[in-house]
Amino acid sequence: MISQSTTDVHLAREKVESFTERVQAIRESLHQVVVGQDVTIDLLLTCALTGSHALLVGVPGLAKTLMVKALASAFRWKFKRVQFTPDLMPSDITGYELLSRDEQTGQPRMTFRPGPVFANLLLADEINRAAPKTQSALLESMAEKHVTVGGETHELAEPFLVVATQNPIEQEGTYPLPEAQLDRFMMEIHIDYPTPEQEEEIVEKTTGGTPPLPEAAFDRAEFLELRDLVLSVPAPKSVVGYSVRLCGASRPGDPRADQYAKDYVAWGAGPRGPQNLMWAAKARALLEGRTAPIVEDIRALALPILRHRIIPNHRAVGDGVNSEKIIHHLLETVAH
């Protein structure tokens, strides 16, 4: 006689395998639409599967907008794009109240007009060009999944993700994101130039017409079920321990920190560091066809998840040491 627990395990495994097949189909369709950004697409998918926000850093022309639109299309999400500029106001993002007249009574009333933040996927293009007041208006929606206008709170639909972009070469007229807002992004993803072969393929595809976006593979309910499945994946204690040790070693005041971190780090990764490492490791395991994360998942995701959470000090700036060098050092020295 087969026990109920054994049956539940088999059903859970079948569900994971079914979702894995469909996610792999989305992955392949995204790779066909966007050429030469396979790593970036996988990282964006990892953020999507955990309902997390992402910050894309790259020069213009690297298909950042196309990637985000293709991701929204693959999950059948409502997509909105906002071009951040110095004169952008908070109400341009959250929405505003407008004086109108009630059709039945004829009495004046305030009507809420929702802004572009009321979407499943919001592309905040060149987010560091907006003033801090406007940036902070987005922070509430990212952290709390709601906005407050005129003293009234409006809930955002699930899922809600923000993918923001930054241009790394233009710093004039920009407002760097504060650490509190940077910490809301699961990943800071740096996008490189394509190889010559990939660039040729890009030119051939884009000059022959607009490539079609991938067809939707999930509806909203199925995606939320998938997200809950990813987050419920059990994590081995050894993997959790490694993520905590790795982040603890980045804090100069922590007993686990070595001399390198003490010399070059002003602020290390906070508790959101290991939390995001574990969430992303679960999603990466699913993308790789595994039912549980391993230490190698943590090591593969450490750079995009920790690079904006580790703040180098003045000595590091003088010695040419950035957060990426610090992370590479931690990966070499922290036992796993």
Protein backbone atom coordinates (compact mmCIF):
# COMPACT_ATOMS: atom_id res chain seq x y z
CA MET A 1 0.00 0.00 0.00
CA ILE A 2 1.40 3.40 -1.01
CA SER A 3 1.41 5.96 1.82
CA GLN A 4 -0.21 9.38 1.45
CA SER A 5 3.17 11.11 1.98
CA THR A 6 4.72 9.13 -0.89
CA THR A 7 1.82 10.07 -3.15
CA ASP A 8 2.20 13.74 -2.21
CA VAL A 9 5.92 13.61 -3.03
CA HIS A 10 5.20 12.10 -6.46
CA LEU A 11 2.50 14.69 -7.19
CA ALA A 12 4.82 17.53 -6.14
CA ARG A 13 7.61 16.14 -8.33
CA GLU A 14 5.24 15.82 -11.29
CA LYS A 15 4.10 19.42 -10.78
CA VAL A 16 7.72 20.64 -10.64
CA GLU A 17 8.58 18.71 -13.80
CA SER A 18 5.49 20.09 -15.60
CA PHE A 19 6.28 23.67 -14.64
CA THR A 20 9.95 23.16 -15.50
CA GLU A 21 9.05 22.08 -19.03
CA ARG A 22 6.86 25.15 -19.54
CA VAL A 23 9.42 27.55 -18.05
CA GLN A 24 12.08 26.04 -20.30
CA ALA A 25 9.81 26.72 -23.28
CA ILE A 26 9.56 30.37 -22.19
CA ARG A 27 13.31 30.50 -21.74
CA GLU A 28 13.93 29.21 -25.25
CA SER A 29 11.40 31.61 -26.81
CA LEU A 30 13.05 34.57 -25.03
CA HIS A 31 16.46 33.48 -26.29
CA GLN A 32 15.06 33.43 -29.83
CA VAL A 33 13.67 36.98 -29.54
CA VAL A 34 16.76 38.51 -27.87
CA VAL A 35 20.12 37.48 -29.30
CA GLY A 36 23.32 37.36 -27.29
CA GLN A 37 21.96 38.08 -23.80
CA ASP A 38 21.39 34.55 -22.52
CA VAL A 39 22.79 35.19 -19.03
CA THR A 40 20.75 38.39 -18.64
CA ILE A 41 17.55 36.63 -19.73
CA ASP A 42 18.12 33.82 -17.23
CA LEU A 43 18.68 36.35 -14.43
CA LEU A 44 15.51 38.24 -15.39
CA LEU A 45 13.58 34.98 -15.41
CA THR A 46 14.97 34.22 -11.96
CA CYS A 47 13.65 37.56 -10.70
CA ALA A 48 10.28 36.97 -12.38
CA LEU A 49 9.86 33.50 -10.90
CA THR A 50 10.33 34.91 -7.38
CA GLY A 51 8.28 38.08 -7.92
CA SER A 52 11.35 40.28 -7.41
CA HIS A 53 12.57 43.55 -8.89
CA ALA A 54 15.64 43.94 -11.11
CA LEU A 55 17.99 46.80 -12.05
CA LEU A 56 19.54 46.60 -15.54
CA VAL A 57 22.77 48.52 -16.14
CA GLY A 58 24.05 48.84 -19.70
CA VAL A 59 24.73 51.25 -22.53
CA PRO A 60 21.92 52.11 -24.99
CA GLY A 61 21.09 49.65 -27.75
CA LEU A 62 21.52 46.38 -25.84
CA ALA A 63 17.83 45.35 -26.12
CA LYS A 64 16.91 46.11 -22.51
CA THR A 65 13.40 47.29 -23.41
CA LEU A 66 12.86 44.37 -25.80
CA MET A 67 13.87 41.88 -23.11
CA VAL A 68 11.39 43.31 -20.62
CA LYS A 69 8.55 43.47 -23.17
CA ALA A 70 9.25 39.89 -24.23
CA LEU A 71 9.18 38.77 -20.59
CA ALA A 72 5.79 40.45 -20.04
CA SER A 73 4.43 38.86 -23.21
CA ALA A 74 5.61 35.39 -22.19
CA PHE A 75 3.68 35.58 -18.92
CA ARG A 76 0.70 37.54 -20.36
CA TRP A 77 1.34 40.45 -18.02
CA LYS A 78 0.09 44.01 -18.30
CA PHE A 79 3.17 46.03 -19.29
CA LYS A 80 3.87 49.73 -18.79
CA ARG A 81 6.96 51.81 -19.53
CA VAL A 82 7.91 55.15 -17.95
CA GLN A 83 10.78 57.30 -19.22
CA PHE A 84 12.25 58.90 -16.11
CA THR A 85 13.26 62.54 -16.54
CA PRO A 86 14.19 65.34 -14.09
CA ASP A 87 10.73 66.91 -14.40
CA LEU A 88 8.82 63.66 -13.77
CA MET A 89 6.46 64.03 -10.80
CA PRO A 90 5.40 61.32 -8.31
CA SER A 91 1.80 61.55 -9.58
CA ASP A 92 3.06 60.69 -13.08
CA ILE A 93 3.88 57.25 -11.67
CA THR A 94 1.33 56.57 -8.95
CA GLY A 95 -1.67 58.39 -10.40
CA TYR A 96 -3.66 61.37 -9.19
CA GLU A 97 -7.08 62.53 -8.01
CA LEU A 98 -9.18 64.54 -10.44
CA LEU A 99 -12.22 66.65 -9.61
CA SER A 100 -15.20 65.31 -11.55
CA ARG A 101 -18.99 65.28 -11.31
CA ASP A 102 -21.06 62.31 -10.23
CA GLU A 103 -23.23 61.16 -13.18
CA GLN A 104 -26.23 60.32 -10.97
CA THR A 105 -26.28 63.08 -8.34
CA GLY A 106 -24.41 65.78 -10.23
CA GLN A 107 -22.33 66.45 -7.12
CA PRO A 108 -18.58 67.13 -7.45
CA ARG A 109 -16.30 64.33 -6.30
CA MET A 110 -12.66 63.33 -6.43
CA THR A 111 -11.90 60.47 -8.83
CA PHE A 112 -8.65 58.52 -8.70
CA ARG A 113 -6.87 58.09 -12.05
CA PRO A 114 -4.35 55.24 -11.70
CA GLY A 115 -0.84 55.79 -13.04
CA PRO A 116 1.43 53.39 -14.94
CA VAL A 117 2.49 51.70 -11.69
CA PHE A 118 -0.82 49.81 -11.89
CA ALA A 119 0.65 47.12 -14.11
CA ASN A 120 2.16 43.68 -13.65
CA LEU A 121 5.53 44.71 -15.05
CA LEU A 122 6.73 48.31 -14.96
CA LEU A 123 9.81 49.33 -16.93
CA ALA A 124 11.38 52.35 -15.20
CA ASP A 125 13.70 53.57 -17.95
CA GLU A 126 16.77 55.54 -16.77
CA ILE A 127 15.44 55.64 -13.23
CA ASN A 128 18.41 57.68 -11.94
CA ARG A 129 17.37 60.68 -14.08
CA ALA A 130 14.35 61.40 -11.86
CA ALA A 131 14.56 63.51 -8.71
CA PRO A 132 14.74 61.71 -5.34
CA LYS A 133 11.12 62.65 -4.53
CA THR A 134 9.92 60.80 -7.62
CA GLN A 135 12.23 57.85 -6.97
CA SER A 136 10.83 57.51 -3.45
CA ALA A 137 7.27 57.41 -4.81
CA LEU A 138 8.22 54.21 -6.59
CA LEU A 139 9.80 52.81 -3.39
CA GLU A 140 6.44 52.39 -1.62
CA SER A 141 4.98 50.41 -4.48
CA MET A 142 8.10 48.22 -4.74
CA ALA A 143 8.23 47.51 -1.01
CA GLU A 144 4.58 47.47 0.02
CA LYS A 145 2.80 46.61 -3.26
CA HIS A 146 0.45 49.58 -2.87
CA VAL A 147 0.37 53.35 -3.37
CA THR A 148 -1.18 56.08 -1.23
CA VAL A 149 -2.80 59.07 -2.96
CA GLY A 150 -4.91 61.67 -1.18
CA GLY A 151 -4.77 59.69 2.06
CA GLU A 152 -6.27 56.60 0.42
CA THR A 153 -4.31 53.38 -0.16
CA HIS A 154 -4.68 51.56 -3.47
CA GLU A 155 -3.47 47.96 -3.74
CA LEU A 156 -1.48 46.86 -6.77
CA ALA A 157 -2.39 43.73 -8.69
CA GLU A 158 -0.33 40.57 -8.27
CA PRO A 159 2.20 39.98 -9.65
CA PHE A 160 3.94 43.35 -9.57
CA LEU A 161 7.53 43.71 -10.70
CA VAL A 162 9.71 46.71 -11.46
CA VAL A 163 12.57 46.42 -13.92
CA ALA A 164 14.59 49.63 -13.87
CA THR A 165 17.43 50.63 -16.20
CA GLN A 166 20.48 52.82 -15.75
CA ASN A 167 22.98 54.12 -18.28
CA PRO A 168 26.51 53.62 -16.87
CA ILE A 169 28.23 56.20 -19.10
CA GLU A 170 26.16 59.34 -18.53
CA GLN A 171 26.36 60.71 -15.00
CA GLU A 172 25.52 64.39 -15.58
CA GLY A 173 21.98 65.27 -14.56
CA THR A 174 21.45 62.04 -12.66
CA TYR A 175 20.43 61.30 -9.07
CA PRO A 176 22.09 58.13 -7.73
CA LEU A 177 19.64 55.74 -6.11
CA PRO A 178 19.94 55.66 -2.30
CA GLU A 179 21.02 52.40 -0.66
CA ALA A 180 17.51 51.84 0.77
CA GLN A 181 16.02 51.80 -2.72
CA LEU A 182 18.86 49.80 -4.25
CA ASP A 183 18.26 47.13 -1.60
CA ARG A 184 14.71 46.67 -2.92
CA PHE A 185 16.09 45.25 -6.17
CA MET A 186 16.92 41.57 -6.01
CA MET A 187 19.62 41.96 -8.64
CA GLU A 188 21.77 44.58 -10.31
CA ILE A 189 22.36 43.01 -13.72
CA HIS A 190 25.19 44.37 -15.87
CA ILE A 191 24.72 43.84 -19.61
CA ASP A 192 27.74 43.39 -21.87
CA TYR A 193 28.13 43.95 -25.61
CA PRO A 194 27.32 40.97 -27.84
CA THR A 195 30.05 39.05 -29.62
CA PRO A 196 30.72 39.89 -33.31
CA GLU A 197 28.83 36.75 -34.40
CA GLN A 198 25.86 37.64 -32.19
CA GLU A 199 25.90 41.22 -33.44
CA GLU A 200 25.69 40.01 -37.03
CA GLU A 201 22.66 37.89 -36.12
CA ILE A 202 21.07 40.89 -34.37
CA VAL A 203 21.55 43.09 -37.43
CA GLU A 204 20.11 40.44 -39.75
CA LYS A 205 17.03 39.91 -37.54
CA THR A 206 16.28 43.55 -36.77
CA THR A 207 16.77 44.89 -40.29
CA GLY A 208 14.44 42.28 -41.78
CA GLY A 209 11.39 43.27 -39.75
CA THR A 210 10.26 43.34 -36.14
CA PRO A 211 10.68 39.93 -34.46
CA PRO A 212 7.45 38.64 -32.89
CA LEU A 213 7.21 38.56 -29.11
CA PRO A 214 6.84 35.14 -27.46
CA GLU A 215 3.33 33.78 -26.99
CA ALA A 216 1.94 33.61 -23.47
CA ALA A 217 2.61 30.29 -21.75
CA PHE A 218 0.93 31.04 -18.41
CA ASP A 219 -2.14 32.91 -17.26
CA ARG A 220 -2.10 34.96 -14.06
CA ALA A 221 -3.36 32.18 -11.78
CA GLU A 222 -0.89 29.67 -13.17
CA PHE A 223 2.00 32.08 -12.73
CA LEU A 224 1.08 32.80 -9.10
CA GLU A 225 0.92 29.05 -8.50
CA LEU A 226 4.34 28.69 -10.11
CA ARG A 227 5.79 31.49 -7.98
CA ASP A 228 4.43 29.92 -4.81
CA LEU A 229 5.86 26.58 -5.88
CA VAL A 230 9.32 28.10 -6.41
CA LEU A 231 9.30 29.84 -3.03
CA SER A 232 8.13 26.68 -1.26
CA VAL A 233 11.03 24.56 -2.51
CA PRO A 234 12.86 23.21 0.56
CA ALA A 235 16.42 24.50 0.91
CA PRO A 236 19.19 22.30 2.35
CA LYS A 237 20.59 23.66 5.61
CA SER A 238 24.10 23.60 4.15
CA VAL A 239 23.04 25.95 1.33
CA VAL A 240 21.29 28.33 3.72
CA GLY A 241 24.35 28.32 5.95
CA TYR A 242 26.67 29.15 3.06
CA SER A 243 24.53 32.11 1.96
CA VAL A 244 24.53 33.49 5.52
CA ARG A 245 28.31 33.00 5.93
CA LEU A 246 28.98 34.68 2.59
CA CYS A 247 26.99 37.78 3.50
CA GLY A 248 28.29 37.84 7.05
CA ALA A 249 31.86 37.85 5.76
CA SER A 250 31.10 41.08 3.84
CA ARG A 251 30.36 43.03 7.06
CA PRO A 252 33.55 44.66 8.41
CA GLY A 253 32.27 44.62 12.00
CA ASP A 254 31.32 40.94 11.91
CA PRO A 255 33.66 38.37 13.51
CA ARG A 256 33.37 36.29 10.31
CA ALA A 257 34.84 39.09 8.15
CA ASP A 258 38.45 38.68 7.05
CA GLN A 259 41.00 41.47 6.77
CA TYR A 260 40.13 42.22 3.15
CA ALA A 261 36.54 43.10 4.06
CA LYS A 262 37.68 45.10 7.09
CA ASP A 263 40.09 47.07 4.90
CA TYR A 264 37.78 47.81 1.98
CA VAL A 265 34.10 47.59 3.00
CA ALA A 266 32.11 50.45 4.51
CA TRP A 267 28.81 48.54 4.70
CA GLY A 268 28.25 44.87 4.02
CA ALA A 269 25.19 43.00 2.78
CA GLY A 270 22.23 43.08 5.18
CA PRO A 271 19.74 40.26 5.89
CA ARG A 272 18.08 40.79 2.49
CA GLY A 273 21.32 39.47 0.97
CA PRO A 274 20.97 35.83 2.08
CA GLN A 275 17.18 36.02 1.68
CA ASN A 276 17.49 37.00 -1.97
CA LEU A 277 20.29 34.50 -2.55
CA MET A 278 18.04 31.69 -1.37
CA TRP A 279 14.98 32.82 -3.35
CA ALA A 280 17.06 33.13 -6.50
CA ALA A 281 18.81 29.82 -5.89
CA LYS A 282 15.42 28.07 -5.76
CA ALA A 283 14.40 29.63 -9.08
CA ARG A 284 17.75 28.78 -10.67
CA ALA A 285 17.36 25.18 -9.55
CA LEU A 286 13.97 25.07 -11.31
CA LEU A 287 15.47 26.57 -14.47
CA GLU A 288 18.19 23.89 -14.36
CA GLY A 289 15.62 21.12 -13.93
CA ARG A 290 16.45 20.43 -10.26
CA THR A 291 14.04 20.24 -7.32
CA ALA A 292 16.41 21.76 -4.74
CA PRO A 293 19.13 24.46 -4.74
CA ILE A 294 22.81 23.68 -4.29
CA VAL A 295 25.80 25.74 -3.15
CA GLU A 296 26.81 26.33 -6.77
CA ASP A 297 23.53 28.22 -7.30
CA ILE A 298 24.53 30.65 -4.54
CA ARG A 299 27.99 31.12 -6.02
CA ALA A 300 26.58 31.72 -9.52
CA LEU A 301 24.13 34.37 -8.25
CA ALA A 302 26.37 36.13 -5.72
CA LEU A 303 27.60 38.84 -8.08
CA PRO A 304 24.27 40.28 -9.35
CA ILE A 305 22.62 39.93 -5.93
CA LEU A 306 25.40 41.36 -3.74
CA ARG A 307 27.19 43.93 -5.95
CA HIS A 308 24.76 46.71 -4.98
CA ARG A 309 24.55 45.62 -1.33
CA ILE A 310 28.26 45.84 -0.55
CA ILE A 311 29.46 49.44 -0.28
CA PRO A 312 33.25 49.96 -0.65
CA ASN A 313 34.90 52.54 1.61
CA HIS A 314 37.17 55.48 0.66
CA ARG A 315 40.29 53.33 0.86
CA ALA A 316 38.81 50.88 -1.65
CA VAL A 317 38.09 53.74 -4.07
CA GLY A 318 41.70 54.92 -3.77
CA ASP A 319 43.08 51.41 -4.31
CA GLY A 320 40.79 50.65 -7.24
CA VAL A 321 38.80 47.99 -5.37
CA ASN A 322 35.09 47.80 -6.24
CA SER A 323 32.27 45.63 -4.93
CA GLU A 324 32.85 43.01 -7.65
CA LYS A 325 36.45 42.45 -6.53
CA ILE A 326 35.26 42.16 -2.94
CA ILE A 327 32.65 39.55 -3.90
CA HIS A 328 35.18 37.52 -5.90
CA HIS A 329 37.48 37.57 -2.87
CA LEU A 330 34.67 36.34 -0.61
CA LEU A 331 33.81 33.53 -3.02
CA GLU A 332 37.45 32.38 -2.88
CA THR A 333 37.82 32.57 0.91
CA VAL A 334 34.45 31.67 2.47
CA ALA A 335 34.24 27.93 3.07
CA HIS A 336 31.45 26.02 1.37
